[in-house]
Every structure is written in C-alpha cells, then in structure tokens.
Amino acid sequence: VLGGELVYHRRPGEEGAILTLAGKYSA
C-alpha cells in the first residue's frame, strides 16, 4: 500500500504545507 498526506495551513501573514509519503507492506 502506498499513499501520502498533505497538511496545509493558512492564516493572515502565514501560509505553509507539509507533504508526507507513506508505505505499508503486509506479510
């Protein structure tokens, strides 16, 4: 399984985003 997470925040005078990649292998 592969995927990701995107966290975005915005407020007056500040804006940013964090990207995280994820993977899971099940035996």
PDB file of all heavy atoms in Angstrom:
ATOM      1  N   VAL A   1       0.863  -1.189   0.000  1.00  0.00           N
ATOM      2  CA  VAL A   1       0.000   0.000   0.000  1.00  0.00           C
ATOM      3  C   VAL A   1       0.891   1.228   0.000  1.00  0.00           C
ATOM      4  O   VAL A   1       1.840   1.323   0.786  1.00  0.00           O
ATOM      5  CB  VAL A   1      -0.928   0.024   1.238  1.00  0.00           C
ATOM      6  CG1 VAL A   1      -1.700   1.342   1.303  1.00  0.00           C
ATOM      7  CG2 VAL A   1      -1.879  -1.161   1.210  1.00  0.00           C
ATOM      8  N   LEU A   2       0.602   2.178  -0.883  1.00  0.00           N
ATOM      9  CA  LEU A   2       1.332   3.437  -0.944  1.00  0.00           C
ATOM     10  C   LEU A   2       0.336   4.592  -0.883  1.00  0.00           C
ATOM     11  O   LEU A   2      -0.811   4.465  -1.301  1.00  0.00           O
ATOM     12  CB  LEU A   2       2.173   3.540  -2.227  1.00  0.00           C
ATOM     13  CG  LEU A   2       3.314   2.536  -2.395  1.00  0.00           C
ATOM     14  CD1 LEU A   2       4.014   2.759  -3.723  1.00  0.00           C
ATOM     15  CD2 LEU A   2       4.307   2.631  -1.248  1.00  0.00           C
ATOM     16  N   GLY A   3       0.818   5.727  -0.377  1.00  0.00           N
ATOM     17  CA  GLY A   3      -0.050   6.895  -0.289  1.00  0.00           C
ATOM     18  C   GLY A   3       0.700   8.084   0.262  1.00  0.00           C
ATOM     19  O   GLY A   3       1.933   8.118   0.299  1.00  0.00           O
ATOM     20  N   GLY A   4      -0.063   9.070   0.703  1.00  0.00           N
ATOM     21  CA  GLY A   4       0.564  10.282   1.209  1.00  0.00           C
ATOM     22  C   GLY A   4      -0.406  11.135   2.000  1.00  0.00           C
ATOM     23  O   GLY A   4      -1.624  10.892   2.026  1.00  0.00           O
ATOM     24  N   GLU A   5       0.174  12.140   2.654  1.00  0.00           N
ATOM     25  CA  GLU A   5      -0.585  13.095   3.466  1.00  0.00           C
ATOM     26  C   GLU A   5      -0.119  14.503   3.129  1.00  0.00           C
ATOM     27  O   GLU A   5       1.080  14.759   3.013  1.00  0.00           O
ATOM     28  CB  GLU A   5      -0.388  12.812   4.955  1.00  0.00           C
ATOM     29  CG  GLU A   5      -1.033  13.850   5.870  1.00  0.00           C
ATOM     30  CD  GLU A   5      -0.612  13.692   7.318  1.00  0.00           C
ATOM     31  OE1 GLU A   5       0.610  13.815   7.587  1.00  0.00           O
ATOM     32  OE2 GLU A   5      -1.474  13.448   8.173  1.00  0.00           O
ATOM     33  N   LEU A   6      -1.068  15.415   2.966  1.00  0.00           N
ATOM     34  CA  LEU A   6      -0.769  16.814   2.732  1.00  0.00           C
ATOM     35  C   LEU A   6      -1.457  17.647   3.798  1.00  0.00           C
ATOM     36  O   LEU A   6      -2.680  17.603   3.944  1.00  0.00           O
ATOM     37  CB  LEU A   6      -1.243  17.245   1.340  1.00  0.00           C
ATOM     38  CG  LEU A   6      -1.058  18.733   1.010  1.00  0.00           C
ATOM     39  CD1 LEU A   6       0.430  19.090   0.999  1.00  0.00           C
ATOM     40  CD2 LEU A   6      -1.710  19.082  -0.316  1.00  0.00           C
ATOM     41  N   VAL A   7      -0.652  18.387   4.555  1.00  0.00           N
ATOM     42  CA  VAL A   7      -1.173  19.281   5.595  1.00  0.00           C
ATOM     43  C   VAL A   7      -0.931  20.717   5.141  1.00  0.00           C
ATOM     44  O   VAL A   7       0.220  21.124   4.912  1.00  0.00           O
ATOM     45  CB  VAL A   7      -0.491  19.023   6.952  1.00  0.00           C
ATOM     46  CG1 VAL A   7      -1.032  19.978   8.006  1.00  0.00           C
ATOM     47  CG2 VAL A   7      -0.684  17.571   7.384  1.00  0.00           C
ATOM     48  N   TYR A   8      -2.001  21.485   5.001  1.00  0.00           N
ATOM     49  CA  TYR A   8      -1.915  22.877   4.529  1.00  0.00           C
ATOM     50  C   TYR A   8      -2.573  23.783   5.561  1.00  0.00           C
ATOM     51  O   TYR A   8      -3.679  23.494   6.043  1.00  0.00           O
ATOM     52  CB  TYR A   8      -2.609  23.019   3.180  1.00  0.00           C
ATOM     53  CG  TYR A   8      -2.742  24.453   2.715  1.00  0.00           C
ATOM     54  CD1 TYR A   8      -1.679  25.112   2.103  1.00  0.00           C
ATOM     55  CD2 TYR A   8      -3.939  25.150   2.894  1.00  0.00           C
ATOM     56  CE1 TYR A   8      -1.803  26.425   1.678  1.00  0.00           C
ATOM     57  CE2 TYR A   8      -4.072  26.461   2.472  1.00  0.00           C
ATOM     58  CZ  TYR A   8      -2.998  27.095   1.869  1.00  0.00           C
ATOM     59  OH  TYR A   8      -3.126  28.392   1.458  1.00  0.00           O
ATOM     60  N   HIS A   9      -1.885  24.842   5.923  1.00  0.00           N
ATOM     61  CA  HIS A   9      -2.459  25.816   6.861  1.00  0.00           C
ATOM     62  C   HIS A   9      -2.264  27.221   6.304  1.00  0.00           C
ATOM     63  O   HIS A   9      -1.250  27.522   5.667  1.00  0.00           O
ATOM     64  CB  HIS A   9      -1.815  25.692   8.248  1.00  0.00           C
ATOM     65  CG  HIS A   9      -0.403  26.195   8.303  1.00  0.00           C
ATOM     66  ND1 HIS A   9       0.684  25.429   7.926  1.00  0.00           N
ATOM     67  CD2 HIS A   9       0.111  27.393   8.692  1.00  0.00           C
ATOM     68  CE1 HIS A   9       1.792  26.119   8.082  1.00  0.00           C
ATOM     69  NE2 HIS A   9       1.470  27.317   8.543  1.00  0.00           N
ATOM     70  N   ARG A  10      -3.253  28.044   6.567  1.00  0.00           N
ATOM     71  CA  ARG A  10      -3.214  29.429   6.087  1.00  0.00           C
ATOM     72  C   ARG A  10      -3.886  30.327   7.106  1.00  0.00           C
ATOM     73  O   ARG A  10      -4.962  30.013   7.618  1.00  0.00           O
ATOM     74  CB  ARG A  10      -3.922  29.561   4.735  1.00  0.00           C
ATOM     75  CG  ARG A  10      -4.021  31.001   4.226  1.00  0.00           C
ATOM     76  CD  ARG A  10      -4.843  31.087   2.961  1.00  0.00           C
ATOM     77  NE  ARG A  10      -5.039  32.457   2.543  1.00  0.00           N
ATOM     78  CZ  ARG A  10      -4.205  33.142   1.785  1.00  0.00           C
ATOM     79  NH1 ARG A  10      -3.112  32.562   1.318  1.00  0.00           N
ATOM     80  NH2 ARG A  10      -4.446  34.396   1.445  1.00  0.00           N
ATOM     81  N   ARG A  11      -3.237  31.438   7.400  1.00  0.00           N
ATOM     82  CA  ARG A  11      -3.801  32.496   8.221  1.00  0.00           C
ATOM     83  C   ARG A  11      -3.136  33.791   7.824  1.00  0.00           C
ATOM     84  O   ARG A  11      -2.107  33.767   7.129  1.00  0.00           O
ATOM     85  CB  ARG A  11      -3.615  32.196   9.702  1.00  0.00           C
ATOM     86  CG  ARG A  11      -2.169  32.106  10.158  1.00  0.00           C
ATOM     87  CD  ARG A  11      -2.115  31.747  11.627  1.00  0.00           C
ATOM     88  NE  ARG A  11      -0.751  31.675  12.130  1.00  0.00           N
ATOM     89  CZ  ARG A  11      -0.452  31.349  13.381  1.00  0.00           C
ATOM     90  NH1 ARG A  11      -1.425  31.088  14.237  1.00  0.00           N
ATOM     91  NH2 ARG A  11       0.802  31.295  13.770  1.00  0.00           N
ATOM     92  N   PRO A  12      -3.682  34.921   8.212  1.00  0.00           N
ATOM     93  CA  PRO A  12      -3.098  36.200   7.779  1.00  0.00           C
ATOM     94  C   PRO A  12      -1.615  36.299   8.100  1.00  0.00           C
ATOM     95  O   PRO A  12      -1.194  36.161   9.247  1.00  0.00           O
ATOM     96  CB  PRO A  12      -3.904  37.244   8.566  1.00  0.00           C
ATOM     97  CG  PRO A  12      -5.234  36.586   8.799  1.00  0.00           C
ATOM     98  CD  PRO A  12      -4.928  35.132   8.985  1.00  0.00           C
ATOM     99  N   GLY A  13      -0.823  36.466   7.047  1.00  0.00           N
ATOM    100  CA  GLY A  13       0.619  36.616   7.201  1.00  0.00           C
ATOM    101  C   GLY A  13       1.386  35.318   7.279  1.00  0.00           C
ATOM    102  O   GLY A  13       2.621  35.343   7.427  1.00  0.00           O
ATOM    103  N   GLU A  14       0.716  34.182   7.157  1.00  0.00           N
ATOM    104  CA  GLU A  14       1.414  32.900   7.270  1.00  0.00           C
ATOM    105  C   GLU A  14       0.717  31.857   6.406  1.00  0.00           C
ATOM    106  O   GLU A  14      -0.508  31.782   6.360  1.00  0.00           O
ATOM    107  CB  GLU A  14       1.461  32.430   8.718  1.00  0.00           C
ATOM    108  CG  GLU A  14       2.242  31.143   8.926  1.00  0.00           C
ATOM    109  CD  GLU A  14       2.284  30.725  10.381  1.00  0.00           C
ATOM    110  OE1 GLU A  14       1.861  31.535  11.238  1.00  0.00           O
ATOM    111  OE2 GLU A  14       2.724  29.601  10.660  1.00  0.00           O
ATOM    112  N   GLU A  15       1.517  31.065   5.710  1.00  0.00           N
ATOM    113  CA  GLU A  15       0.988  30.013   4.863  1.00  0.00           C
ATOM    114  C   GLU A  15       2.072  28.950   4.676  1.00  0.00           C
ATOM    115  O   GLU A  15       3.252  29.260   4.536  1.00  0.00           O
ATOM    116  CB  GLU A  15       0.551  30.560   3.501  1.00  0.00           C
ATOM    117  CG  GLU A  15      -0.067  29.527   2.576  1.00  0.00           C
ATOM    118  CD  GLU A  15      -0.501  30.145   1.252  1.00  0.00           C
ATOM    119  OE1 GLU A  15      -0.059  31.293   0.980  1.00  0.00           O
ATOM    120  OE2 GLU A  15      -1.252  29.493   0.505  1.00  0.00           O
ATOM    121  N   GLY A  16       1.666  27.683   4.716  1.00  0.00           N
ATOM    122  CA  GLY A  16       2.650  26.620   4.571  1.00  0.00           C
ATOM    123  C   GLY A  16       1.993  25.283   4.330  1.00  0.00           C
ATOM    124  O   GLY A  16       0.784  25.110   4.532  1.00  0.00           O
ATOM    125  N   ALA A  17       2.801  24.308   3.889  1.00  0.00           N
ATOM    126  CA  ALA A  17       2.305  22.964   3.606  1.00  0.00           C
ATOM    127  C   ALA A  17       3.397  21.950   3.918  1.00  0.00           C
ATOM    128  O   ALA A  17       4.587  22.231   3.768  1.00  0.00           O
ATOM    129  CB  ALA A  17       1.860  22.836   2.151  1.00  0.00           C
ATOM    130  N   ILE A  18       2.978  20.775   4.366  1.00  0.00           N
ATOM    131  CA  ILE A  18       3.891  19.680   4.690  1.00  0.00           C
ATOM    132  C   ILE A  18       3.396  18.429   3.973  1.00  0.00           C
ATOM    133  O   ILE A  18       2.228  18.050   4.108  1.00  0.00           O
ATOM    134  CB  ILE A  18       3.972  19.425   6.207  1.00  0.00           C
ATOM    135  CG1 ILE A  18       4.484  20.667   6.932  1.00  0.00           C
ATOM    136  CG2 ILE A  18       4.869  18.234   6.501  1.00  0.00           C
ATOM    137  CD1 ILE A  18       4.517  20.513   8.439  1.00  0.00           C
ATOM    138  N   LEU A  19       4.286  17.799   3.219  1.00  0.00           N
ATOM    139  CA  LEU A  19       3.949  16.586   2.476  1.00  0.00           C
ATOM    140  C   LEU A  19       4.646  15.389   3.111  1.00  0.00           C
ATOM    141  O   LEU A  19       5.842  15.437   3.410  1.00  0.00           O
ATOM    142  CB  LEU A  19       4.365  16.711   1.013  1.00  0.00           C
ATOM    143  CG  LEU A  19       4.137  15.473   0.135  1.00  0.00           C
ATOM    144  CD1 LEU A  19       2.648  15.158   0.039  1.00  0.00           C
ATOM    145  CD2 LEU A  19       4.754  15.666  -1.243  1.00  0.00           C
ATOM    146  N   THR A  20       3.895  14.333   3.317  1.00  0.00           N
ATOM    147  CA  THR A  20       4.429  13.101   3.890  1.00  0.00           C
ATOM    148  C   THR A  20       4.048  11.928   2.999  1.00  0.00           C
ATOM    149  O   THR A  20       2.879  11.786   2.622  1.00  0.00           O
ATOM    150  CB  THR A  20       3.887  12.857   5.313  1.00  0.00           C
ATOM    151  OG1 THR A  20       4.221  13.970   6.141  1.00  0.00           O
ATOM    152  CG2 THR A  20       4.474  11.599   5.913  1.00  0.00           C
ATOM    153  N   LEU A  21       5.025  11.101   2.668  1.00  0.00           N
ATOM    154  CA  LEU A  21       4.794   9.897   1.880  1.00  0.00           C
ATOM    155  C   LEU A  21       4.736   8.693   2.817  1.00  0.00           C
ATOM    156  O   LEU A  21       5.435   8.651   3.836  1.00  0.00           O
ATOM    157  CB  LEU A  21       5.888   9.707   0.831  1.00  0.00           C
ATOM    158  CG  LEU A  21       6.062  10.853  -0.161  1.00  0.00           C
ATOM    159  CD1 LEU A  21       7.191  10.541  -1.133  1.00  0.00           C
ATOM    160  CD2 LEU A  21       4.765  11.123  -0.929  1.00  0.00           C
ATOM    161  N   ALA A  22       3.900   7.711   2.464  1.00  0.00           N
ATOM    162  CA  ALA A  22       3.706   6.558   3.342  1.00  0.00           C
ATOM    163  C   ALA A  22       3.655   5.283   2.521  1.00  0.00           C
ATOM    164  O   ALA A  22       3.247   5.279   1.353  1.00  0.00           O
ATOM    165  CB  ALA A  22       2.424   6.705   4.154  1.00  0.00           C
ATOM    166  N   GLY A  23       4.076   4.199   3.153  1.00  0.00           N
ATOM    167  CA  GLY A  23       4.013   2.879   2.540  1.00  0.00           C
ATOM    168  C   GLY A  23       3.875   1.805   3.597  1.00  0.00           C
ATOM    169  O   GLY A  23       4.386   1.946   4.712  1.00  0.00           O
ATOM    170  N   LYS A  24       3.169   0.738   3.242  1.00  0.00           N
ATOM    171  CA  LYS A  24       2.983  -0.387   4.166  1.00  0.00           C
ATOM    172  C   LYS A  24       3.071  -1.692   3.394  1.00  0.00           C
ATOM    173  O   LYS A  24       2.474  -1.842   2.325  1.00  0.00           O
ATOM    174  CB  LYS A  24       1.638  -0.302   4.884  1.00  0.00           C
ATOM    175  CG  LYS A  24       1.409  -1.431   5.892  1.00  0.00           C
ATOM    176  CD  LYS A  24       0.114  -1.266   6.654  1.00  0.00           C
ATOM    177  CE  LYS A  24      -1.077  -1.616   5.793  1.00  0.00           C
ATOM    178  NZ  LYS A  24      -2.330  -1.667   6.587  1.00  0.00           N
ATOM    179  N   TYR A  25       3.845  -2.636   3.950  1.00  0.00           N
ATOM    180  CA  TYR A  25       3.967  -3.965   3.344  1.00  0.00           C
ATOM    181  C   TYR A  25       3.509  -4.996   4.376  1.00  0.00           C
ATOM    182  O   TYR A  25       4.014  -5.019   5.501  1.00  0.00           O
ATOM    183  CB  TYR A  25       5.409  -4.258   2.920  1.00  0.00           C
ATOM    184  CG  TYR A  25       5.553  -5.568   2.179  1.00  0.00           C
ATOM    185  CD1 TYR A  25       5.335  -5.620   0.808  1.00  0.00           C
ATOM    186  CD2 TYR A  25       5.891  -6.738   2.844  1.00  0.00           C
ATOM    187  CE1 TYR A  25       5.446  -6.815   0.116  1.00  0.00           C
ATOM    188  CE2 TYR A  25       6.007  -7.942   2.169  1.00  0.00           C
ATOM    189  CZ  TYR A  25       5.786  -7.965   0.798  1.00  0.00           C
ATOM    190  OH  TYR A  25       5.898  -9.146   0.115  1.00  0.00           O
ATOM    191  N   SER A  26       2.557  -5.830   3.978  1.00  0.00           N
ATOM    192  CA  SER A  26       1.969  -6.813   4.889  1.00  0.00           C
ATOM    193  C   SER A  26       2.329  -8.212   4.426  1.00  0.00           C
ATOM    194  O   SER A  26       2.022  -8.602   3.293  1.00  0.00           O
ATOM    195  CB  SER A  26       0.444  -6.658   4.938  1.00  0.00           C
ATOM    196  OG  SER A  26       0.074  -5.355   5.327  1.00  0.00           O
ATOM    197  N   ALA A  27       2.980  -8.964   5.296  1.00  0.00           N
ATOM    198  CA  ALA A  27       3.259 -10.372   5.063  1.00  0.00           C
ATOM    199  C   ALA A  27       2.295 -11.222   5.881  1.00  0.00           C
ATOM    200  O   ALA A  27       1.337 -10.711   6.461  1.00  0.00           O
ATOM    201  CB  ALA A  27       4.713 -10.687   5.407  1.00  0.00           C
TER     202      ALA A  27
END
